[in-house]
Amino acid sequence: MTFYLVKWAAVSLLMPLLVMLFGQTLNNTLILIFWPGSIALISLGADKKPLSEVVYVWIIAVGLNALLYIFIGLVLHFFLKMIKG
């Protein structure tokens, strides 16, 4: 089961990676669906912030996404286990 959850955690890093690579060319709705933790990036605002604050907020946003994906994977795992018997 650990490997199963590690796969979910790895998948959770896909959307933040795509946002870092392509930025605003991605659809914002798509970003919010697959990376709900990106809402934390709103706290950065339009003003220039120190690099330490930007890195801290990105770490929080990616961490929230990883936890959410692991939770979803865990719930799916138990539901599928109950269905299979």
Protein backbone atom coordinates (compact mmCIF):
# COMPACT_ATOMS: atom_id res chain seq x y z
CA MET A 1 0.00 0.00 0.00
CA THR A 2 2.93 2.34 0.61
CA PHE A 3 3.97 2.11 -3.04
CA TYR A 4 0.36 2.87 -4.01
CA LEU A 5 0.40 6.08 -1.94
CA VAL A 6 3.85 7.05 -3.24
CA LYS A 7 2.43 6.87 -6.77
CA TRP A 8 -0.38 9.25 -5.77
CA ALA A 9 2.14 11.62 -4.19
CA ALA A 10 4.25 11.56 -7.37
CA VAL A 11 1.20 12.34 -9.51
CA SER A 12 0.38 15.28 -7.24
CA LEU A 13 3.62 16.95 -8.35
CA LEU A 14 2.63 16.92 -12.02
CA MET A 15 0.41 20.03 -12.04
CA PRO A 16 2.82 22.24 -10.03
CA LEU A 17 5.57 21.18 -12.44
CA LEU A 18 3.41 22.09 -15.44
CA VAL A 19 2.60 25.48 -13.89
CA MET A 20 6.30 26.17 -13.32
CA LEU A 21 7.13 25.22 -16.91
CA PHE A 22 4.24 26.85 -18.79
CA GLY A 23 2.86 29.48 -16.38
CA GLN A 24 -0.18 31.43 -17.54
CA THR A 25 -0.58 29.53 -20.81
CA LEU A 26 -2.48 26.84 -18.87
CA ASN A 27 -6.21 27.17 -18.24
CA ASN A 28 -6.80 28.56 -14.72
CA THR A 29 -9.82 26.30 -14.16
CA LEU A 30 -7.70 23.28 -15.01
CA ILE A 31 -5.09 24.42 -12.51
CA LEU A 32 -7.67 24.82 -9.73
CA ILE A 33 -9.20 21.39 -10.41
CA PHE A 34 -5.93 19.47 -10.35
CA TRP A 35 -4.00 21.71 -7.93
CA PRO A 36 -6.40 23.07 -5.29
CA GLY A 37 -3.46 24.12 -3.12
CA SER A 38 -2.57 26.72 -5.75
CA ILE A 39 -5.08 29.01 -4.04
CA ALA A 40 -2.31 29.59 -1.48
CA LEU A 41 -0.34 31.36 -4.23
CA ILE A 42 -2.88 34.19 -4.10
CA SER A 43 -1.18 35.32 -0.88
CA LEU A 44 1.84 36.35 -2.95
CA GLY A 45 -0.23 39.07 -4.64
CA ALA A 46 1.06 41.29 -7.42
CA ASP A 47 3.78 42.98 -5.37
CA LYS A 48 7.37 41.83 -5.38
CA LYS A 49 8.05 39.50 -2.48
CA PRO A 50 11.34 38.18 -1.10
CA LEU A 51 12.46 34.89 -2.59
CA SER A 52 12.19 33.16 0.79
CA GLU A 53 8.50 34.03 1.03
CA VAL A 54 7.82 32.86 -2.53
CA VAL A 55 9.59 29.54 -1.91
CA TYR A 56 7.75 29.08 1.40
CA VAL A 57 4.33 29.63 -0.20
CA TRP A 58 5.16 27.26 -3.09
CA ILE A 59 6.25 24.58 -0.61
CA ILE A 60 2.97 24.98 1.31
CA ALA A 61 0.90 24.84 -1.91
CA VAL A 62 2.68 21.75 -3.25
CA GLY A 63 2.56 20.07 0.18
CA LEU A 64 -1.18 20.65 0.48
CA ASN A 65 -1.65 19.18 -2.98
CA ALA A 66 0.41 16.10 -2.11
CA LEU A 67 -1.56 15.54 1.10
CA LEU A 68 -4.85 15.91 -0.75
CA TYR A 69 -3.83 13.45 -3.47
CA ILE A 70 -2.60 10.93 -0.86
CA PHE A 71 -5.90 11.25 1.00
CA ILE A 72 -7.87 10.71 -2.23
CA GLY A 73 -5.69 7.70 -3.06
CA LEU A 74 -6.20 6.25 0.41
CA VAL A 75 -9.99 6.64 0.22
CA LEU A 76 -10.06 5.08 -3.27
CA HIS A 77 -7.87 2.22 -2.09
CA PHE A 78 -10.24 1.34 0.76
CA PHE A 79 -13.35 1.70 -1.43
CA LEU A 80 -11.86 -0.55 -4.09
CA LYS A 81 -10.80 -3.03 -1.41
CA MET A 82 -14.35 -3.09 -0.02
CA ILE A 83 -15.84 -3.62 -3.48
CA LYS A 84 -13.47 -6.46 -4.38
CA GLY A 85 -14.07 -8.07 -1.05
